[in-house]
């Protein structure tokens, strides 16, 4: 998972503590929760399948203050 805010990227791998079913894998319908710590209200989120390097999600969201 790649978070992009104000031109800086932060990457992290899902783990059991932040996936909805606690198995550290993202499957259809799963949710991931992570504090992003970004001061920006505009956040880009990209999910990449590591073995194939395929982009599964590439989206920007406005986060209410």
N, C-alpha and C. Protein backbone atom coordinates (compact mmCIF):
# COMPACT_ATOMS: atom_id res chain seq x y z
N UNK A 1 0.86 -1.16 0.00
CA UNK A 1 0.00 0.00 0.00
C UNK A 1 0.91 1.22 0.00
N UNK A 2 0.58 2.18 -0.87
CA UNK A 2 1.35 3.41 -0.97
C UNK A 2 0.43 4.58 -0.64
N UNK A 3 0.83 5.41 0.32
CA UNK A 3 0.11 6.63 0.65
C UNK A 3 0.89 7.81 0.11
N UNK A 4 0.20 8.73 -0.55
CA UNK A 4 0.84 9.91 -1.13
C UNK A 4 0.13 11.15 -0.62
N UNK A 5 0.86 12.01 0.07
CA UNK A 5 0.31 13.27 0.55
C UNK A 5 1.37 14.35 0.37
N UNK A 6 0.98 15.42 -0.25
CA UNK A 6 1.89 16.55 -0.48
C UNK A 6 3.17 16.14 -1.18
N UNK A 7 3.08 15.17 -2.09
CA UNK A 7 4.23 14.77 -2.88
C UNK A 7 5.17 13.80 -2.20
N UNK A 8 4.90 13.41 -0.96
CA UNK A 8 5.76 12.42 -0.31
C UNK A 8 5.01 11.10 -0.21
N UNK A 9 5.72 10.02 -0.51
CA UNK A 9 5.12 8.69 -0.49
C UNK A 9 5.58 7.92 0.73
N UNK A 10 4.65 7.18 1.31
CA UNK A 10 4.97 6.24 2.38
C UNK A 10 4.39 4.89 1.99
N UNK A 11 5.19 3.86 2.11
CA UNK A 11 4.77 2.51 1.72
C UNK A 11 4.71 1.63 2.96
N UNK A 12 3.72 0.75 2.99
CA UNK A 12 3.66 -0.22 4.06
C UNK A 12 2.99 -1.50 3.56
N UNK A 13 3.33 -2.59 4.21
CA UNK A 13 2.74 -3.88 3.91
C UNK A 13 1.66 -4.15 4.94
N UNK A 14 0.48 -4.59 4.52
CA UNK A 14 -0.57 -4.91 5.48
C UNK A 14 -0.08 -5.97 6.48
N UNK A 15 -0.53 -5.85 7.72
CA UNK A 15 -0.21 -6.86 8.72
C UNK A 15 -1.48 -7.22 9.49
N UNK A 16 -1.37 -8.21 10.34
CA UNK A 16 -2.55 -8.71 11.06
C UNK A 16 -3.21 -7.64 11.92
N UNK A 17 -2.44 -6.66 12.38
CA UNK A 17 -3.00 -5.61 13.25
C UNK A 17 -3.86 -4.61 12.50
N UNK A 18 -3.70 -4.49 11.17
CA UNK A 18 -4.47 -3.45 10.47
C UNK A 18 -5.36 -3.97 9.35
N UNK A 19 -5.53 -5.29 9.23
CA UNK A 19 -6.48 -5.82 8.24
C UNK A 19 -7.75 -6.29 8.95
N UNK A 20 -8.89 -6.16 8.28
CA UNK A 20 -10.17 -6.41 8.93
C UNK A 20 -10.35 -7.85 9.42
N UNK A 21 -9.75 -8.81 8.73
CA UNK A 21 -9.92 -10.19 9.21
C UNK A 21 -8.69 -10.71 9.96
N UNK A 22 -7.70 -9.85 10.16
CA UNK A 22 -6.55 -10.18 10.99
C UNK A 22 -5.58 -11.19 10.41
N UNK A 23 -5.63 -11.41 9.07
CA UNK A 23 -4.70 -12.38 8.50
C UNK A 23 -3.58 -11.75 7.67
N UNK A 24 -3.49 -10.41 7.70
CA UNK A 24 -2.41 -9.67 7.01
C UNK A 24 -2.48 -9.76 5.50
N UNK A 25 -3.63 -10.17 4.95
CA UNK A 25 -3.80 -10.22 3.50
C UNK A 25 -5.02 -9.40 3.12
N UNK A 26 -4.96 -8.75 1.98
CA UNK A 26 -6.11 -8.00 1.49
C UNK A 26 -6.82 -8.83 0.44
N UNK A 27 -8.08 -9.08 0.69
CA UNK A 27 -8.93 -9.82 -0.25
C UNK A 27 -10.14 -8.96 -0.55
N UNK A 28 -10.89 -9.27 -1.59
CA UNK A 28 -12.09 -8.48 -1.88
C UNK A 28 -12.98 -8.36 -0.64
N UNK A 29 -13.39 -7.14 -0.33
CA UNK A 29 -14.25 -6.88 0.82
C UNK A 29 -13.50 -6.58 2.10
N UNK A 30 -12.19 -6.85 2.15
CA UNK A 30 -11.41 -6.55 3.35
C UNK A 30 -11.21 -5.05 3.48
N UNK A 31 -10.97 -4.63 4.69
CA UNK A 31 -10.64 -3.23 4.98
C UNK A 31 -9.29 -3.18 5.66
N UNK A 32 -8.63 -2.07 5.46
CA UNK A 32 -7.35 -1.85 6.12
C UNK A 32 -7.46 -0.53 6.88
N UNK A 33 -6.88 -0.50 8.06
CA UNK A 33 -6.94 0.71 8.88
C UNK A 33 -5.52 1.07 9.30
N UNK A 34 -5.17 2.32 9.06
CA UNK A 34 -3.82 2.76 9.41
C UNK A 34 -3.83 4.27 9.61
N UNK A 35 -3.19 4.73 10.65
CA UNK A 35 -3.05 6.17 10.87
C UNK A 35 -2.07 6.69 9.83
N UNK A 36 -2.50 7.69 9.06
CA UNK A 36 -1.62 8.18 8.00
C UNK A 36 -0.77 9.35 8.44
N UNK A 37 -1.18 10.08 9.46
CA UNK A 37 -0.37 11.17 10.00
C UNK A 37 -0.11 12.31 9.04
N UNK A 38 -0.93 12.43 8.01
CA UNK A 38 -0.73 13.47 7.01
C UNK A 38 -1.43 14.76 7.41
N UNK A 39 -0.74 15.89 7.32
CA UNK A 39 -1.40 17.17 7.60
C UNK A 39 -2.29 17.61 6.44
N UNK A 40 -2.15 16.98 5.30
CA UNK A 40 -2.92 17.34 4.11
C UNK A 40 -4.32 16.76 4.20
N UNK A 41 -5.30 17.43 3.57
CA UNK A 41 -6.65 16.87 3.52
C UNK A 41 -6.88 16.11 2.22
N UNK A 42 -5.84 16.00 1.39
CA UNK A 42 -5.92 15.29 0.11
C UNK A 42 -4.92 14.14 0.16
N UNK A 43 -5.40 12.91 0.08
CA UNK A 43 -4.53 11.75 0.25
C UNK A 43 -4.71 10.79 -0.92
N UNK A 44 -3.60 10.38 -1.50
CA UNK A 44 -3.63 9.38 -2.56
C UNK A 44 -3.36 8.01 -1.97
N UNK A 45 -4.10 7.01 -2.45
CA UNK A 45 -3.93 5.64 -1.97
C UNK A 45 -3.76 4.73 -3.19
N UNK A 46 -2.71 3.93 -3.16
CA UNK A 46 -2.47 2.97 -4.23
C UNK A 46 -2.23 1.60 -3.58
N UNK A 47 -2.87 0.58 -4.12
CA UNK A 47 -2.66 -0.79 -3.66
C UNK A 47 -2.03 -1.55 -4.82
N UNK A 48 -0.87 -2.16 -4.54
CA UNK A 48 -0.12 -2.87 -5.57
C UNK A 48 0.02 -4.33 -5.17
N UNK A 49 -0.29 -5.24 -6.11
CA UNK A 49 -0.08 -6.67 -5.90
C UNK A 49 1.41 -6.92 -6.11
N UNK A 50 2.10 -7.25 -5.03
CA UNK A 50 3.56 -7.32 -5.05
C UNK A 50 4.13 -8.33 -6.05
N UNK A 51 3.68 -9.58 -6.06
CA UNK A 51 4.30 -10.54 -6.99
C UNK A 51 4.21 -10.13 -8.47
N UNK A 52 3.07 -9.55 -8.86
CA UNK A 52 2.89 -9.21 -10.28
C UNK A 52 3.16 -7.73 -10.57
N UNK A 53 3.32 -6.93 -9.52
CA UNK A 53 3.51 -5.49 -9.64
C UNK A 53 2.31 -4.82 -10.33
N UNK A 54 1.13 -5.40 -10.19
CA UNK A 54 -0.10 -4.85 -10.77
C UNK A 54 -0.73 -3.85 -9.81
N UNK A 55 -1.16 -2.71 -10.34
CA UNK A 55 -1.86 -1.72 -9.53
C UNK A 55 -3.33 -2.14 -9.45
N UNK A 56 -3.81 -2.39 -8.23
CA UNK A 56 -5.18 -2.82 -8.01
C UNK A 56 -6.10 -1.64 -7.75
N UNK A 57 -5.59 -0.63 -7.06
CA UNK A 57 -6.36 0.58 -6.75
C UNK A 57 -5.41 1.77 -6.86
N UNK A 58 -5.90 2.85 -7.45
CA UNK A 58 -5.15 4.10 -7.50
C UNK A 58 -6.18 5.21 -7.41
N UNK A 59 -6.29 5.84 -6.24
CA UNK A 59 -7.37 6.77 -5.99
C UNK A 59 -6.90 7.92 -5.10
N UNK A 60 -7.55 9.05 -5.22
CA UNK A 60 -7.31 10.19 -4.33
C UNK A 60 -8.59 10.47 -3.58
N UNK A 61 -8.46 10.78 -2.31
CA UNK A 61 -9.61 11.08 -1.46
C UNK A 61 -9.35 12.36 -0.69
N UNK A 62 -10.40 13.11 -0.48
CA UNK A 62 -10.33 14.29 0.38
C UNK A 62 -10.81 13.87 1.75
N UNK A 63 -9.98 14.09 2.75
CA UNK A 63 -10.29 13.68 4.11
C UNK A 63 -10.76 14.91 4.89
N UNK A 64 -11.96 14.86 5.47
CA UNK A 64 -12.46 16.01 6.21
C UNK A 64 -11.58 16.34 7.41
N UNK A 65 -11.42 17.61 7.66
CA UNK A 65 -10.58 18.05 8.79
C UNK A 65 -11.24 17.75 10.11
